[in-house]
Amino acid sequence: QVQLVESGGGLVQAGGSLNLSCAASVRMFTIYGMGWFRQAPGKEREVVARIQWKDGSTYYPDSVKGRFTISRDNAKNMMYLQLDRLKHEDTAVYYCAATNLLPVGSRKDRYSYWGQGTQVTVTK
């Protein structure tokens, strides 16, 4: 069983940066990929980044491409999301997630393991 815990959220001005972390409780032998999702009030949960655990290949939607960077440290069972040039519309609860399915994919129902979420608030 995998347990994920996010940290690093907070309040930041538009144009600023944050770095989010996600820690896994155990080594994930069967996990193929991890992703970061966000959910703003009144909106669907959406992927903002994902990474294939083995080879490090990444995906970003157009809304964050060039501003967000996902990375992982396999030895430490850690995943990170660097958020740069933040916009007010980036305000949301950010969740880390893990999947044991291939291809990794972006649909939230492909991810079986989720963290509790960390709030990111970007002022105008």
N, C-alpha and C. Protein backbone atom coordinates (compact mmCIF):
# COMPACT_ATOMS: atom_id res chain seq x y z
N GLN A 1 0.84 -1.18 0.00
CA GLN A 1 0.00 0.00 0.00
C GLN A 1 0.89 1.24 0.00
N VAL A 2 0.53 2.21 -0.84
CA VAL A 2 1.29 3.44 -1.00
C VAL A 2 0.56 4.57 -0.29
N GLN A 3 1.31 5.34 0.49
CA GLN A 3 0.79 6.54 1.11
C GLN A 3 1.60 7.73 0.60
N LEU A 4 0.90 8.78 0.15
CA LEU A 4 1.52 9.97 -0.40
C LEU A 4 1.17 11.17 0.45
N VAL A 5 2.16 12.05 0.67
CA VAL A 5 1.96 13.25 1.47
C VAL A 5 2.57 14.43 0.75
N GLU A 6 1.75 15.45 0.46
CA GLU A 6 2.22 16.67 -0.20
C GLU A 6 2.58 17.73 0.83
N SER A 7 3.49 18.62 0.42
CA SER A 7 3.83 19.78 1.22
C SER A 7 4.36 20.87 0.30
N GLY A 8 4.48 22.08 0.82
CA GLY A 8 5.10 23.17 0.09
C GLY A 8 4.17 24.22 -0.46
N GLY A 9 2.86 24.03 -0.31
CA GLY A 9 1.93 25.03 -0.78
C GLY A 9 1.98 26.28 0.08
N GLY A 10 1.30 27.31 -0.39
CA GLY A 10 1.27 28.55 0.35
C GLY A 10 0.68 29.68 -0.46
N LEU A 11 0.88 30.88 0.05
CA LEU A 11 0.39 32.10 -0.58
C LEU A 11 1.54 32.80 -1.28
N VAL A 12 1.33 33.16 -2.54
CA VAL A 12 2.38 33.79 -3.32
C VAL A 12 1.75 34.81 -4.27
N GLN A 13 2.49 35.85 -4.58
CA GLN A 13 2.02 36.86 -5.51
C GLN A 13 2.14 36.38 -6.95
N ALA A 14 1.33 36.94 -7.82
CA ALA A 14 1.42 36.61 -9.24
C ALA A 14 2.84 36.87 -9.74
N GLY A 15 3.34 35.93 -10.52
CA GLY A 15 4.70 36.00 -11.00
C GLY A 15 5.71 35.31 -10.12
N GLY A 16 5.30 34.91 -8.93
CA GLY A 16 6.19 34.26 -7.99
C GLY A 16 6.30 32.77 -8.23
N SER A 17 6.99 32.10 -7.31
CA SER A 17 7.29 30.68 -7.45
C SER A 17 7.02 29.93 -6.16
N LEU A 18 6.75 28.64 -6.31
CA LEU A 18 6.65 27.70 -5.20
C LEU A 18 7.25 26.38 -5.63
N ASN A 19 7.65 25.58 -4.67
CA ASN A 19 8.08 24.22 -4.94
C ASN A 19 7.31 23.26 -4.06
N LEU A 20 6.59 22.34 -4.67
CA LEU A 20 5.80 21.36 -3.95
C LEU A 20 6.56 20.04 -3.87
N SER A 21 6.37 19.33 -2.78
CA SER A 21 7.00 18.03 -2.58
C SER A 21 5.95 16.98 -2.29
N CYS A 22 6.24 15.76 -2.70
CA CYS A 22 5.38 14.62 -2.43
C CYS A 22 6.25 13.47 -1.97
N ALA A 23 5.99 12.97 -0.77
CA ALA A 23 6.77 11.88 -0.20
C ALA A 23 5.93 10.61 -0.15
N ALA A 24 6.52 9.50 -0.57
CA ALA A 24 5.87 8.20 -0.51
C ALA A 24 6.37 7.44 0.71
N SER A 25 5.47 6.73 1.37
CA SER A 25 5.81 6.05 2.61
C SER A 25 6.70 4.83 2.41
N VAL A 26 6.58 4.18 1.25
CA VAL A 26 7.35 2.98 0.96
C VAL A 26 7.88 3.04 -0.47
N ARG A 27 8.89 2.23 -0.74
CA ARG A 27 9.39 2.12 -2.10
C ARG A 27 8.31 1.51 -2.98
N MET A 28 8.10 2.11 -4.14
CA MET A 28 6.97 1.75 -4.99
C MET A 28 7.44 0.87 -6.14
N PHE A 29 7.56 -0.41 -5.85
CA PHE A 29 8.08 -1.35 -6.85
C PHE A 29 7.17 -1.48 -8.06
N THR A 30 5.88 -1.36 -7.87
CA THR A 30 4.92 -1.57 -8.96
C THR A 30 4.37 -0.28 -9.54
N ILE A 31 4.85 0.87 -9.08
CA ILE A 31 4.37 2.15 -9.57
C ILE A 31 5.09 2.51 -10.86
N TYR A 32 4.34 2.80 -11.91
CA TYR A 32 4.91 3.15 -13.20
C TYR A 32 5.01 4.65 -13.43
N GLY A 33 4.14 5.42 -12.79
CA GLY A 33 4.17 6.85 -12.98
C GLY A 33 3.54 7.60 -11.84
N MET A 34 3.87 8.88 -11.77
CA MET A 34 3.27 9.75 -10.79
C MET A 34 2.88 11.05 -11.47
N GLY A 35 1.92 11.73 -10.88
CA GLY A 35 1.45 12.97 -11.45
C GLY A 35 1.04 13.97 -10.40
N TRP A 36 0.97 15.21 -10.83
CA TRP A 36 0.41 16.29 -10.03
C TRP A 36 -0.90 16.74 -10.66
N PHE A 37 -1.93 16.83 -9.85
CA PHE A 37 -3.24 17.31 -10.26
C PHE A 37 -3.61 18.53 -9.42
N ARG A 38 -4.53 19.31 -9.92
CA ARG A 38 -5.05 20.42 -9.14
C ARG A 38 -6.55 20.52 -9.31
N GLN A 39 -7.19 21.07 -8.29
CA GLN A 39 -8.63 21.26 -8.33
C GLN A 39 -8.97 22.60 -7.70
N ALA A 40 -9.54 23.48 -8.51
CA ALA A 40 -10.01 24.77 -8.05
C ALA A 40 -11.50 24.68 -7.74
N PRO A 41 -12.01 25.57 -6.89
CA PRO A 41 -13.44 25.54 -6.57
C PRO A 41 -14.30 25.60 -7.82
N GLY A 42 -15.27 24.69 -7.92
CA GLY A 42 -16.18 24.67 -9.05
C GLY A 42 -15.62 24.09 -10.33
N LYS A 43 -14.40 23.56 -10.28
CA LYS A 43 -13.78 23.01 -11.47
C LYS A 43 -13.42 21.54 -11.27
N GLU A 44 -13.26 20.83 -12.38
CA GLU A 44 -12.84 19.45 -12.33
C GLU A 44 -11.36 19.35 -11.97
N ARG A 45 -11.01 18.25 -11.33
CA ARG A 45 -9.61 17.98 -11.05
C ARG A 45 -8.89 17.71 -12.37
N GLU A 46 -7.76 18.37 -12.58
CA GLU A 46 -7.05 18.27 -13.84
C GLU A 46 -5.56 18.03 -13.61
N VAL A 47 -4.96 17.33 -14.56
CA VAL A 47 -3.53 17.07 -14.48
C VAL A 47 -2.75 18.33 -14.83
N VAL A 48 -1.67 18.58 -14.12
CA VAL A 48 -0.78 19.68 -14.45
C VAL A 48 0.62 19.18 -14.81
N ALA A 49 0.93 17.94 -14.46
CA ALA A 49 2.21 17.36 -14.81
C ALA A 49 2.17 15.88 -14.49
N ARG A 50 2.91 15.09 -15.25
CA ARG A 50 3.08 13.69 -14.92
C ARG A 50 4.46 13.24 -15.36
N ILE A 51 4.93 12.17 -14.74
CA ILE A 51 6.27 11.67 -15.01
C ILE A 51 6.27 10.16 -14.96
N GLN A 52 6.96 9.54 -15.91
CA GLN A 52 7.15 8.11 -15.90
C GLN A 52 8.29 7.80 -14.93
N TRP A 53 8.01 6.95 -13.95
CA TRP A 53 8.95 6.77 -12.85
C TRP A 53 10.28 6.21 -13.29
N LYS A 54 10.26 5.30 -14.25
CA LYS A 54 11.48 4.62 -14.64
C LYS A 54 12.41 5.49 -15.46
N ASP A 55 11.91 6.09 -16.53
CA ASP A 55 12.78 6.82 -17.44
C ASP A 55 12.71 8.34 -17.30
N GLY A 56 11.80 8.84 -16.49
CA GLY A 56 11.72 10.27 -16.24
C GLY A 56 11.04 11.10 -17.30
N SER A 57 10.43 10.47 -18.29
CA SER A 57 9.72 11.23 -19.31
C SER A 57 8.54 11.96 -18.70
N THR A 58 8.26 13.16 -19.21
CA THR A 58 7.28 14.03 -18.59
C THR A 58 6.23 14.50 -19.58
N TYR A 59 5.14 14.99 -19.03
CA TYR A 59 4.06 15.57 -19.80
C TYR A 59 3.51 16.77 -19.05
N TYR A 60 3.17 17.83 -19.81
CA TYR A 60 2.52 19.00 -19.25
C TYR A 60 1.41 19.46 -20.19
N PRO A 61 0.28 19.86 -19.66
CA PRO A 61 -0.74 20.46 -20.52
C PRO A 61 -0.32 21.87 -20.92
N ASP A 62 -0.95 22.39 -21.95
CA ASP A 62 -0.58 23.71 -22.46
C ASP A 62 -0.74 24.81 -21.41
N SER A 63 -1.65 24.63 -20.48
CA SER A 63 -1.93 25.67 -19.50
C SER A 63 -0.75 25.96 -18.58
N VAL A 64 0.15 24.98 -18.40
CA VAL A 64 1.28 25.17 -17.50
C VAL A 64 2.62 24.95 -18.17
N LYS A 65 2.63 24.51 -19.41
CA LYS A 65 3.87 24.20 -20.10
C LYS A 65 4.80 25.41 -20.12
N GLY A 66 6.04 25.18 -19.74
CA GLY A 66 7.02 26.25 -19.68
C GLY A 66 7.07 26.96 -18.35
N ARG A 67 6.10 26.70 -17.48
CA ARG A 67 6.06 27.33 -16.16
C ARG A 67 6.23 26.33 -15.02
N PHE A 68 5.73 25.11 -15.19
CA PHE A 68 5.82 24.08 -14.16
C PHE A 68 6.83 23.03 -14.58
N THR A 69 7.55 22.48 -13.61
CA THR A 69 8.52 21.44 -13.87
C THR A 69 8.38 20.32 -12.85
N ILE A 70 8.13 19.10 -13.34
CA ILE A 70 8.01 17.95 -12.47
C ILE A 70 9.35 17.21 -12.43
N SER A 71 9.69 16.67 -11.28
CA SER A 71 10.90 15.89 -11.15
C SER A 71 10.71 14.84 -10.06
N ARG A 72 11.61 13.88 -10.01
CA ARG A 72 11.51 12.86 -8.98
C ARG A 72 12.89 12.40 -8.57
N ASP A 73 12.98 11.89 -7.35
CA ASP A 73 14.18 11.27 -6.82
C ASP A 73 13.79 9.85 -6.45
N ASN A 74 14.10 8.90 -7.33
CA ASN A 74 13.67 7.52 -7.13
C ASN A 74 14.21 6.93 -5.84
N ALA A 75 15.46 7.24 -5.51
CA ALA A 75 16.08 6.67 -4.33
C ALA A 75 15.40 7.14 -3.05
N LYS A 76 14.86 8.34 -3.06
CA LYS A 76 14.22 8.91 -1.88
C LYS A 76 12.70 8.76 -1.90
N ASN A 77 12.15 8.19 -2.97
CA ASN A 77 10.70 8.10 -3.15
C ASN A 77 10.05 9.48 -3.00
N MET A 78 10.65 10.46 -3.66
CA MET A 78 10.17 11.83 -3.60
C MET A 78 9.82 12.33 -5.00
N MET A 79 8.80 13.15 -5.09
CA MET A 79 8.43 13.83 -6.31
C MET A 79 8.25 15.30 -6.01
N TYR A 80 8.56 16.14 -7.01
CA TYR A 80 8.52 17.58 -6.81
C TYR A 80 7.79 18.25 -7.97
N LEU A 81 7.23 19.40 -7.69
CA LEU A 81 6.66 20.23 -8.73
C LEU A 81 7.12 21.66 -8.49
N GLN A 82 7.93 22.17 -9.40
CA GLN A 82 8.37 23.56 -9.35
C GLN A 82 7.39 24.40 -10.14
N LEU A 83 6.81 25.38 -9.48
CA LEU A 83 5.83 26.26 -10.10
C LEU A 83 6.44 27.65 -10.23
N ASP A 84 6.63 28.11 -11.46
CA ASP A 84 7.23 29.41 -11.72
C ASP A 84 6.25 30.29 -12.48
N ARG A 85 6.46 31.59 -12.38
CA ARG A 85 5.61 32.58 -13.06
C ARG A 85 4.14 32.27 -12.82
N LEU A 86 3.82 32.12 -11.55
CA LEU A 86 2.46 31.74 -11.18
C LEU A 86 1.45 32.82 -11.55
N LYS A 87 0.26 32.35 -11.91
CA LYS A 87 -0.85 33.21 -12.26
C LYS A 87 -1.98 33.00 -11.26
N HIS A 88 -2.86 33.99 -11.18
CA HIS A 88 -3.99 33.88 -10.26
C HIS A 88 -4.81 32.62 -10.55
N GLU A 89 -4.96 32.28 -11.82
CA GLU A 89 -5.75 31.12 -12.19
C GLU A 89 -5.10 29.79 -11.83
N ASP A 90 -3.86 29.81 -11.34
CA ASP A 90 -3.23 28.61 -10.83
C ASP A 90 -3.69 28.26 -9.42
N THR A 91 -4.44 29.14 -8.79
CA THR A 91 -4.92 28.91 -7.44
C THR A 91 -5.77 27.65 -7.39
N ALA A 92 -5.40 26.71 -6.53
CA ALA A 92 -6.10 25.43 -6.43
C ALA A 92 -5.47 24.61 -5.32
N VAL A 93 -6.12 23.51 -4.98
CA VAL A 93 -5.49 22.49 -4.16
C VAL A 93 -4.73 21.56 -5.10
N TYR A 94 -3.47 21.34 -4.80
CA TYR A 94 -2.62 20.50 -5.63
C TYR A 94 -2.41 19.15 -4.95
N TYR A 95 -2.60 18.08 -5.73
CA TYR A 95 -2.49 16.71 -5.24
C TYR A 95 -1.42 15.95 -5.99
N CYS A 96 -0.67 15.13 -5.29
CA CYS A 96 0.19 14.17 -5.97
C CYS A 96 -0.53 12.83 -6.03
N ALA A 97 -0.21 12.05 -7.06
CA ALA A 97 -0.88 10.78 -7.27
C ALA A 97 0.08 9.80 -7.94
N ALA A 98 -0.23 8.52 -7.81
CA ALA A 98 0.59 7.47 -8.39
C ALA A 98 -0.29 6.45 -9.09
N THR A 99 0.24 5.89 -10.19
CA THR A 99 -0.49 4.89 -10.94
C THR A 99 0.38 3.67 -11.20
N ASN A 100 -0.26 2.51 -11.24
CA ASN A 100 0.42 1.28 -11.62
C ASN A 100 -0.05 0.78 -12.98
N LEU A 101 -0.57 1.70 -13.80
CA LEU A 101 -1.04 1.39 -15.13
C LEU A 101 -0.11 1.95 -16.19
N LEU A 102 -0.04 1.26 -17.33
CA LEU A 102 0.67 1.74 -18.50
C LEU A 102 -0.28 1.81 -19.69
N PRO A 103 -0.24 2.86 -20.50
CA PRO A 103 0.57 4.07 -20.30
C PRO A 103 0.12 4.84 -19.05
N VAL A 104 0.98 5.70 -18.55
CA VAL A 104 0.70 6.41 -17.31
C VAL A 104 -0.59 7.21 -17.42
N GLY A 105 -0.73 8.02 -18.46
CA GLY A 105 -1.97 8.73 -18.73
C GLY A 105 -2.22 9.93 -17.84
N SER A 106 -3.25 10.70 -18.21
CA SER A 106 -3.59 11.93 -17.51
C SER A 106 -4.95 11.89 -16.82
N ARG A 107 -5.76 10.90 -17.09
CA ARG A 107 -7.08 10.81 -16.47
C ARG A 107 -6.95 10.47 -15.00
N LYS A 108 -7.68 11.18 -14.16
CA LYS A 108 -7.56 10.98 -12.72
C LYS A 108 -7.99 9.59 -12.28
N ASP A 109 -8.88 8.95 -13.04
CA ASP A 109 -9.34 7.63 -12.64
C ASP A 109 -8.32 6.53 -12.92
N ARG A 110 -7.20 6.87 -13.54
CA ARG A 110 -6.12 5.92 -13.73
C ARG A 110 -5.18 5.88 -12.53
N TYR A 111 -5.36 6.79 -11.60
CA TYR A 111 -4.46 6.89 -10.45
C TYR A 111 -5.14 6.32 -9.21
N SER A 112 -4.51 5.35 -8.60
CA SER A 112 -5.08 4.65 -7.46
C SER A 112 -4.65 5.22 -6.12
N TYR A 113 -3.58 6.00 -6.10
CA TYR A 113 -3.00 6.49 -4.85
C TYR A 113 -2.94 8.01 -4.90
N TRP A 114 -3.39 8.64 -3.83
CA TRP A 114 -3.49 10.10 -3.76
C TRP A 114 -3.02 10.64 -2.43
N GLY A 115 -2.41 11.80 -2.48
CA GLY A 115 -2.09 12.54 -1.27
C GLY A 115 -3.28 13.35 -0.80
N GLN A 116 -3.09 14.05 0.31
CA GLN A 116 -4.18 14.81 0.93
C GLN A 116 -4.38 16.18 0.30
N GLY A 117 -3.42 16.66 -0.47
CA GLY A 117 -3.51 17.95 -1.12
C GLY A 117 -2.81 19.05 -0.35
N THR A 118 -2.31 20.04 -1.08
CA THR A 118 -1.71 21.21 -0.49
C THR A 118 -2.21 22.44 -1.24
N GLN A 119 -2.60 23.46 -0.49
CA GLN A 119 -3.23 24.64 -1.08
C GLN A 119 -2.19 25.59 -1.67
N VAL A 120 -2.42 25.99 -2.91
CA VAL A 120 -1.63 27.04 -3.56
C VAL A 120 -2.57 28.20 -3.86
N THR A 121 -2.24 29.36 -3.32
CA THR A 121 -3.04 30.55 -3.55
C THR A 121 -2.16 31.64 -4.15
N VAL A 122 -2.57 32.15 -5.31
CA VAL A 122 -1.81 33.16 -6.02
C VAL A 122 -2.62 34.44 -6.06
N THR A 123 -2.10 35.50 -5.48
CA THR A 123 -2.79 36.78 -5.49
C THR A 123 -2.57 37.49 -6.81
N LYS A 124 -3.51 38.38 -7.15
CA LYS A 124 -3.42 39.10 -8.42
C LYS A 124 -2.34 40.15 -8.39
